[in-house]
Amino acid sequence: MELRGLRTFIAVVETKNFTRAGRRLGISQSAVSQQMKALEVSVGARIFSRRSRSVTLTQAGEVLLPYARQMTSKADEAMAVISDFEGMGRGRVAIGAGGAICHHVLPRILREFSERFTRIEIQVISGFSFETMQRALDGTIDLGILLLPVRDTNLVSAELGRDELVAIAPPDHPWQALSRINAAEFTDQKLITYDRNSETFSILERFLLEDGVFPHFGMEISDLEAVKKMVGAGLGVAVVAGWAVRSEVVSGELIAKPLGARGLYRSWGIVYRSSETLTAPQRGLVNICKSEFPVLVSSAQD
């Protein structure tokens, strides 16, 4: 049973006439008749006894009427609640991102969001990019911050900007004397990696292999903060986002150098399901990300 048909049914009951019901609803008398025929087919019984100028309910119609009123009332109540969430900024927004984004970028973005949408509950779920994409697809999160490109047609992506990858090493490393790190400099280095299935690793691998350099993997760790600690302890070198090591470079714990003649860059985006329309708070968070994200990932490299 469609809500539209039930609303028309109630209008016919209250006006006792198909034509008057149509006038109330702004539809034709024939449209009312078609909807009532469809409703009778749906319930499997006649719901009206038709007379020359009016209609009365059959026994089946009498049974249907209170349910029709309850169903339409609940639908109206749901729409009112949704409208209240939209208008008053209530509800919940779930966002997913990698651990580094959660550590270094999201705090400032979510602080601004919380100041604008004071009644919104925020849920942050950290995970690798493939996990964030899957959570966006299955509805676990409303929005996900990912590296582009995103090729799944079930997701819509909005660009957030680019960041630069840098090579990091301990402060006493020979790279300290270099202004830039070329692929050849990795030849005798133990490489500490964060996620070998990531787009970041693919970018680095292409950079090395194009110059005939085969990386020597010394360690793989699933936590970026641990990668930085291992590099600082002299266990190898790594390639990470410049903004992720800003504090360590400033404090002298690590050195960070750009890669290649032109640098290595990544593109970021925020994704959501193509089948859904964003709520006002969700749109607000997307807009804040578009505004703040490029600043956060570029200024941290200065």
Protein backbone atom coordinates (compact mmCIF):
# COMPACT_ATOMS: atom_id res chain seq x y z
CA MET A 1 0.00 0.00 0.00
CA GLU A 2 1.30 3.43 -0.96
CA LEU A 3 1.01 6.38 1.41
CA ARG A 4 -0.38 8.48 -1.43
CA GLY A 5 -3.27 6.05 -1.88
CA LEU A 6 -3.98 5.96 1.85
CA ARG A 7 -4.05 9.76 2.04
CA THR A 8 -6.50 9.83 -0.88
CA PHE A 9 -8.59 7.14 0.82
CA ILE A 10 -8.84 9.26 3.97
CA ALA A 11 -9.80 12.32 1.90
CA VAL A 12 -12.59 10.37 0.18
CA VAL A 13 -13.89 9.14 3.55
CA GLU A 14 -13.91 12.67 4.97
CA THR A 15 -15.50 14.33 1.92
CA LYS A 16 -17.71 11.34 1.00
CA ASN A 17 -17.10 12.10 -2.67
CA PHE A 18 -14.34 11.37 -5.20
CA THR A 19 -14.60 14.78 -6.86
CA ARG A 20 -14.43 16.74 -3.59
CA ALA A 21 -11.52 14.56 -2.43
CA GLY A 22 -9.71 15.35 -5.68
CA ARG A 23 -10.24 19.09 -5.16
CA ARG A 24 -8.84 18.87 -1.64
CA LEU A 25 -5.76 17.04 -2.85
CA GLY A 26 -5.31 19.00 -6.08
CA ILE A 27 -5.78 16.00 -8.36
CA SER A 28 -8.47 14.96 -10.83
CA GLN A 29 -11.48 12.83 -10.04
CA SER A 30 -10.15 10.14 -12.39
CA ALA A 31 -6.84 10.08 -10.50
CA VAL A 32 -8.77 9.55 -7.27
CA SER A 33 -10.70 6.67 -8.87
CA GLN A 34 -7.49 5.05 -10.15
CA GLN A 35 -5.82 5.28 -6.74
CA MET A 36 -8.84 3.76 -4.99
CA LYS A 37 -8.98 0.89 -7.51
CA ALA A 38 -5.27 0.25 -6.91
CA LEU A 39 -5.84 0.32 -3.15
CA GLU A 40 -8.68 -2.19 -3.42
CA VAL A 41 -6.43 -4.47 -5.47
CA SER A 42 -3.70 -4.08 -2.84
CA VAL A 43 -5.97 -5.01 0.11
CA GLY A 44 -7.89 -7.62 -1.88
CA ALA A 45 -11.35 -6.29 -1.06
CA ARG A 46 -13.82 -3.55 -1.97
CA ILE A 47 -13.50 -0.61 0.43
CA PHE A 48 -16.30 1.65 -0.85
CA SER A 49 -19.97 1.28 -1.71
CA ARG A 50 -20.60 3.81 -4.46
CA ARG A 51 -23.86 5.71 -4.80
CA SER A 52 -24.85 8.41 -7.26
CA ARG A 53 -23.45 11.37 -5.34
CA SER A 54 -21.55 9.88 -2.42
CA VAL A 55 -19.59 6.87 -1.24
CA THR A 56 -19.76 4.91 2.00
CA LEU A 57 -17.31 2.49 3.52
CA THR A 58 -17.72 -1.24 3.25
CA GLN A 59 -16.86 -3.42 6.23
CA ALA A 60 -13.35 -3.85 4.78
CA GLY A 61 -13.08 -0.08 4.43
CA GLU A 62 -14.09 0.40 8.06
CA VAL A 63 -11.32 -1.97 9.11
CA LEU A 64 -8.77 -0.22 6.89
CA LEU A 65 -9.56 3.36 7.98
CA PRO A 66 -7.90 3.41 11.46
CA TYR A 67 -4.79 1.73 10.07
CA ALA A 68 -4.64 4.22 7.21
CA ARG A 69 -4.81 7.09 9.68
CA GLN A 70 -2.13 5.54 11.87
CA MET A 71 0.20 4.90 8.93
CA THR A 72 -0.13 8.37 7.48
CA SER A 73 0.18 9.92 10.94
CA LYS A 74 3.41 8.00 11.62
CA ALA A 75 4.77 9.04 8.23
CA ASP A 76 3.97 12.69 8.98
CA GLU A 77 5.59 12.33 12.39
CA ALA A 78 8.74 10.87 10.82
CA MET A 79 8.93 13.72 8.31
CA ALA A 80 8.51 16.25 11.11
CA VAL A 81 11.33 14.64 13.11
CA ILE A 82 13.59 14.60 10.04
CA SER A 83 12.74 18.23 9.35
CA ASP A 84 13.61 19.05 12.96
CA PHE A 85 16.96 17.31 12.61
CA GLU A 86 17.63 19.25 9.42
CA GLY A 87 16.48 22.61 10.71
CA MET A 88 17.86 22.45 14.25
CA GLY A 89 21.11 20.66 13.40
CA ARG A 90 20.45 17.52 15.42
CA GLY A 91 21.49 13.97 14.65
CA ARG A 92 24.70 12.09 14.06
CA VAL A 93 27.42 12.18 11.42
CA ALA A 94 29.83 9.25 11.05
CA ILE A 95 33.09 9.89 9.20
CA GLY A 96 35.86 7.46 8.34
CA ALA A 97 39.52 8.16 7.56
CA GLY A 98 43.01 6.77 7.95
CA GLY A 99 44.84 7.00 11.23
CA ALA A 100 47.13 9.83 10.09
CA ILE A 101 44.17 11.97 8.97
CA CYS A 102 42.43 11.26 12.30
CA HIS A 103 45.55 12.29 14.23
CA HIS A 104 46.68 15.35 12.31
CA VAL A 105 43.84 16.76 10.18
CA LEU A 106 40.41 15.88 11.56
CA PRO A 107 40.74 17.57 14.99
CA ARG A 108 40.71 21.08 13.52
CA ILE A 109 38.03 20.23 10.97
CA LEU A 110 35.76 18.67 13.60
CA ARG A 111 36.31 21.54 16.02
CA GLU A 112 34.92 23.96 13.45
CA PHE A 113 32.11 21.56 12.62
CA SER A 114 31.16 21.25 16.30
CA GLU A 115 31.07 25.02 16.66
CA ARG A 116 28.59 25.28 13.77
CA PHE A 117 26.50 22.19 14.57
CA THR A 118 26.44 22.13 18.34
CA ARG A 119 23.85 19.36 18.70
CA ILE A 120 25.39 16.91 16.27
CA GLU A 121 26.96 13.73 17.59
CA ILE A 122 30.17 12.88 15.73
CA GLN A 123 31.45 9.36 15.21
CA VAL A 124 34.97 8.86 13.82
CA ILE A 125 36.05 5.43 12.57
CA SER A 126 39.71 4.98 11.71
CA GLY A 127 40.95 2.42 9.20
CA PHE A 128 42.93 1.78 6.05
CA SER A 129 41.56 3.25 2.82
CA PHE A 130 39.99 -0.01 1.65
CA GLU A 131 38.24 -0.33 5.01
CA THR A 132 36.95 3.25 4.83
CA MET A 133 35.66 2.65 1.30
CA GLN A 134 33.84 -0.50 2.35
CA ARG A 135 32.31 1.27 5.34
CA ALA A 136 31.09 4.06 3.07
CA LEU A 137 29.54 1.50 0.73
CA ASP A 138 27.78 -0.53 3.43
CA GLY A 139 26.50 2.52 5.33
CA THR A 140 28.65 2.17 8.44
CA ILE A 141 29.86 5.73 7.82
CA ASP A 142 28.20 8.67 6.10
CA LEU A 143 31.41 10.21 4.75
CA GLY A 144 34.90 8.91 4.10
CA ILE A 145 38.16 10.73 3.43
CA LEU A 146 40.21 8.75 0.90
CA LEU A 147 43.00 9.02 -1.60
CA LEU A 148 41.77 9.55 -5.15
CA PRO A 149 40.90 8.17 -7.61
CA VAL A 150 37.84 6.31 -6.32
CA ARG A 151 36.51 4.15 -9.15
CA ASP A 152 33.42 2.64 -7.53
CA THR A 153 30.34 4.13 -9.21
CA ASN A 154 28.32 3.62 -6.02
CA LEU A 155 30.32 6.43 -4.41
CA VAL A 156 30.40 10.15 -5.17
CA SER A 157 33.70 11.89 -4.50
CA ALA A 158 34.49 15.57 -3.99
CA GLU A 159 38.12 16.71 -4.31
CA LEU A 160 39.79 18.10 -1.20
CA GLY A 161 43.27 18.91 -2.53
CA ARG A 162 46.79 17.53 -2.83
CA ASP A 163 49.57 16.80 -0.39
CA GLU A 164 53.26 16.02 -0.86
CA LEU A 165 55.12 12.89 0.16
CA VAL A 166 58.55 13.27 1.77
CA ALA A 167 61.38 10.91 2.65
CA ILE A 168 62.12 10.79 6.38
CA ALA A 169 65.24 9.64 8.21
CA PRO A 170 67.00 10.12 11.57
CA PRO A 171 68.72 13.52 12.05
CA ASP A 172 72.23 11.99 11.75
CA HIS A 173 71.43 10.24 8.45
CA PRO A 174 73.54 11.01 5.33
CA TRP A 175 70.38 12.37 3.68
CA GLN A 176 70.72 15.40 5.95
CA ALA A 177 73.17 16.92 3.47
CA LEU A 178 70.83 16.46 0.47
CA SER A 179 68.23 18.94 -0.69
CA ARG A 180 66.13 16.30 -2.48
CA ILE A 181 66.03 12.51 -2.41
CA ASN A 182 66.20 10.74 -5.77
CA ALA A 183 65.27 7.10 -6.36
CA ALA A 184 68.92 6.04 -6.40
CA GLU A 185 69.35 7.18 -2.79
CA PHE A 186 67.08 4.30 -1.67
CA THR A 187 69.36 1.62 -3.13
CA ASP A 188 71.10 0.66 0.11
CA GLN A 189 68.38 1.76 2.51
CA LYS A 190 66.03 -0.38 4.58
CA LEU A 191 62.54 0.85 3.80
CA ILE A 192 59.94 0.94 6.57
CA THR A 193 56.45 0.85 5.08
CA TYR A 194 53.03 1.66 6.51
CA ASP A 195 50.62 -0.14 4.18
CA ARG A 196 51.92 -1.95 1.09
CA ASN A 197 48.38 -2.20 -0.34
CA SER A 198 47.85 1.56 -0.27
CA GLU A 199 47.87 4.12 -3.07
CA THR A 200 50.75 5.83 -1.27
CA PHE A 201 52.91 2.73 -1.58
CA SER A 202 51.96 2.40 -5.26
CA ILE A 203 53.14 5.97 -5.90
CA LEU A 204 56.44 5.29 -4.13
CA GLU A 205 56.95 1.96 -5.89
CA ARG A 206 56.45 3.54 -9.32
CA PHE A 207 58.89 6.31 -8.39
CA LEU A 208 61.57 3.75 -7.49
CA LEU A 209 61.00 1.19 -10.22
CA GLU A 210 60.99 3.80 -13.00
CA ASP A 211 64.64 4.40 -12.10
CA GLY A 212 65.41 0.71 -11.77
CA VAL A 213 65.58 0.76 -7.98
CA PHE A 214 64.16 -2.26 -6.18
CA PRO A 215 63.31 -1.33 -2.59
CA HIS A 216 64.81 -3.27 0.28
CA PHE A 217 61.98 -3.76 2.75
CA GLY A 218 63.15 -3.70 6.32
CA MET A 219 59.83 -3.53 8.16
CA GLU A 220 56.08 -3.12 7.64
CA ILE A 221 53.97 -1.55 10.39
CA SER A 222 50.23 -0.88 10.38
CA ASP A 223 50.54 2.28 12.51
CA LEU A 224 52.04 5.47 11.09
CA GLU A 225 53.06 6.82 14.48
CA ALA A 226 55.06 3.63 15.02
CA VAL A 227 56.70 4.06 11.59
CA LYS A 228 57.99 7.47 12.68
CA LYS A 229 59.34 6.02 15.93
CA MET A 230 61.14 3.22 14.09
CA VAL A 231 62.73 5.68 11.68
CA GLY A 232 63.77 7.90 14.58
CA ALA A 233 65.41 4.87 16.21
CA GLY A 234 67.57 4.37 13.12
CA LEU A 235 65.88 1.17 11.92
CA GLY A 236 65.33 2.45 8.39
CA VAL A 237 63.86 5.23 6.26
CA ALA A 238 60.28 5.84 5.17
CA VAL A 239 58.10 7.91 2.86
CA VAL A 240 55.14 9.67 4.45
CA ALA A 241 53.05 12.81 4.08
CA GLY A 242 54.90 15.97 4.99
CA TRP A 243 52.09 17.17 7.27
CA ALA A 244 52.30 13.93 9.28
CA VAL A 245 55.88 14.64 10.47
CA ARG A 246 55.76 18.37 10.96
CA SER A 247 56.23 18.30 14.73
CA GLU A 248 59.04 15.74 14.58
CA VAL A 249 60.91 17.80 11.99
CA VAL A 250 60.50 20.99 14.01
CA SER A 251 61.74 19.25 17.17
CA GLY A 252 64.71 17.73 15.35
CA GLU A 253 63.64 14.11 15.86
CA LEU A 254 63.47 13.49 12.10
CA ILE A 255 64.58 15.04 8.84
CA ALA A 256 62.20 15.27 5.89
CA LYS A 257 63.23 15.76 2.26
CA PRO A 258 61.18 16.15 -0.94
CA LEU A 259 61.33 13.34 -3.48
CA GLY A 260 62.59 13.52 -7.05
CA ALA A 261 62.98 16.56 -9.24
CA ARG A 262 59.32 17.56 -9.10
CA GLY A 263 58.13 15.94 -5.88
CA LEU A 264 55.60 13.17 -5.29
CA TYR A 265 52.00 14.22 -4.69
CA ARG A 266 48.70 12.58 -3.80
CA SER A 267 45.10 13.71 -4.37
CA TRP A 268 42.47 13.45 -1.63
CA GLY A 269 38.70 13.37 -1.72
CA ILE A 270 35.67 12.94 0.50
CA VAL A 271 33.19 10.26 -0.56
CA TYR A 272 29.58 9.32 0.14
CA ARG A 273 27.05 6.92 -1.33
CA SER A 274 25.60 8.00 -4.67
CA SER A 275 22.20 6.60 -3.68
CA GLU A 276 21.78 9.01 -0.76
CA THR A 277 21.11 12.72 -0.39
CA LEU A 278 23.32 14.42 2.19
CA THR A 279 21.66 16.01 5.22
CA ALA A 280 22.41 19.61 6.15
CA PRO A 281 25.05 18.63 8.77
CA GLN A 282 26.69 16.22 6.33
CA ARG A 283 26.82 18.93 3.65
CA GLY A 284 28.26 21.27 6.26
CA LEU A 285 31.05 18.83 7.08
CA VAL A 286 31.85 18.33 3.39
CA ASN A 287 32.11 22.10 2.89
CA ILE A 288 34.36 22.51 5.94
CA CYS A 289 36.60 19.73 4.64
CA LYS A 290 36.82 21.42 1.23
CA SER A 291 37.82 24.69 2.90
CA GLU A 292 40.16 23.46 5.63
CA PHE A 293 41.74 20.29 4.27
CA PRO A 294 43.97 21.94 1.60
CA VAL A 295 45.25 24.42 4.18
CA LEU A 296 46.00 21.76 6.76
CA VAL A 297 47.90 19.42 4.45
CA SER A 298 49.89 22.19 2.77
CA SER A 299 50.75 24.50 5.69
CA ALA A 300 52.06 21.54 7.69
CA GLN A 301 54.79 21.17 5.08
CA ASP A 302 56.02 24.75 5.30
